[in-house]
Amino acid sequence: MHEAEKFFSNRECKYFPCHKGVDPEDFNCMFCYCPLYHLKEKCGGDFLMKDGVKSCINCTRPHIADNHDEIIQTLRDQKN
């Protein structure tokens, strides 16, 4: 996969940027909905539990372009 295929920034989204802590110039929207959410506490992100529901409001892991390959590898590992 080429580097250009690992980054997408949707500046026209009304929620952009949807998380604080990532420079808007580097904010990656490729994983708008976190593909690791289903891993619950094993996702590796900075999540909170609110009334039994996982909240990812403080997590920037999928929105940092350099994390793309690691997230894809985590998903591949889950299939095995």
Protein backbone atom coordinates (compact mmCIF):
# COMPACT_ATOMS: atom_id res chain seq x y z
CA MET A 1 0.00 0.00 0.00
CA HIS A 2 1.31 3.42 -0.91
CA GLU A 3 1.63 6.09 1.77
CA ALA A 4 -0.97 8.23 -0.02
CA GLU A 5 -3.53 5.43 0.47
CA LYS A 6 -3.06 5.51 4.24
CA PHE A 7 -4.18 9.08 4.81
CA PHE A 8 -7.44 10.91 4.17
CA SER A 9 -8.50 14.17 5.75
CA ASN A 10 -12.13 15.25 5.40
CA ARG A 11 -11.97 18.92 6.28
CA GLU A 12 -15.56 19.42 5.09
CA CYS A 13 -16.92 17.12 7.80
CA LYS A 14 -18.95 19.11 10.32
CA TYR A 15 -17.13 17.30 13.15
CA PHE A 16 -13.59 17.89 11.84
CA PRO A 17 -11.45 17.43 13.81
CA CYS A 18 -13.53 15.11 15.98
CA HIS A 19 -10.82 14.57 18.62
CA LYS A 20 -8.52 17.03 20.35
CA GLY A 21 -4.79 16.45 20.50
CA VAL A 22 -3.94 15.87 16.83
CA ASP A 23 -2.74 18.69 14.60
CA PRO A 24 -5.52 19.33 12.02
CA GLU A 25 -2.85 19.25 9.30
CA ASP A 26 -2.04 15.65 10.28
CA PHE A 27 -5.54 14.50 11.28
CA ASN A 28 -6.30 11.21 9.53
CA CYS A 29 -9.96 10.43 8.84
CA MET A 30 -9.20 7.08 7.19
CA PHE A 31 -10.63 5.28 10.23
CA CYS A 32 -13.54 7.60 10.93
CA TYR A 33 -15.19 4.76 12.83
CA CYS A 34 -12.54 2.89 14.77
CA PRO A 35 -12.00 -0.60 13.37
CA LEU A 36 -10.64 -1.67 16.78
CA TYR A 37 -13.75 -0.73 18.78
CA HIS A 38 -14.96 -4.33 18.87
CA LEU A 39 -11.77 -5.40 20.70
CA LYS A 40 -13.11 -3.69 23.81
CA GLU A 41 -10.33 -3.20 26.42
CA LYS A 42 -7.77 -4.86 24.11
CA CYS A 43 -8.01 -2.13 21.46
CA GLY A 44 -4.92 -0.35 22.76
CA GLY A 45 -6.56 3.06 22.64
CA ASP A 46 -7.36 5.65 25.29
CA PHE A 47 -11.01 4.85 26.01
CA LEU A 48 -13.35 5.33 28.96
CA MET A 49 -16.28 3.27 30.14
CA LYS A 50 -19.43 5.33 30.73
CA ASP A 51 -22.42 3.48 32.15
CA GLY A 52 -21.14 0.23 30.62
CA VAL A 53 -20.55 1.77 27.19
CA LYS A 54 -17.12 2.27 25.67
CA SER A 55 -16.38 5.93 24.90
CA CYS A 56 -13.50 6.76 22.57
CA ILE A 57 -13.83 10.53 22.89
CA ASN A 58 -10.25 10.87 24.21
CA CYS A 59 -8.66 8.41 21.78
CA THR A 60 -6.60 9.70 18.88
CA ARG A 61 -4.92 6.38 17.93
CA PRO A 62 -6.78 5.77 14.64
CA HIS A 63 -6.44 9.43 13.62
CA ILE A 64 -2.64 9.47 13.58
CA ALA A 65 -1.43 8.50 10.12
CA ASP A 66 1.68 6.73 11.43
CA ASN A 67 -0.57 4.22 13.24
CA HIS A 68 -2.18 2.90 10.04
CA ASP A 69 0.04 -0.14 9.50
CA GLU A 70 -0.10 -1.16 13.15
CA ILE A 71 -3.92 -0.96 13.17
CA ILE A 72 -4.14 -3.06 10.02
CA GLN A 73 -1.76 -5.62 11.56
CA THR A 74 -3.87 -5.76 14.73
CA LEU A 75 -6.93 -6.49 12.61
CA ARG A 76 -5.07 -9.20 10.70
CA ASP A 77 -3.91 -10.78 13.96
CA GLN A 78 -7.52 -10.94 15.18
CA LYS A 79 -8.50 -13.06 12.18
CA ASN A 80 -6.00 -15.77 13.16
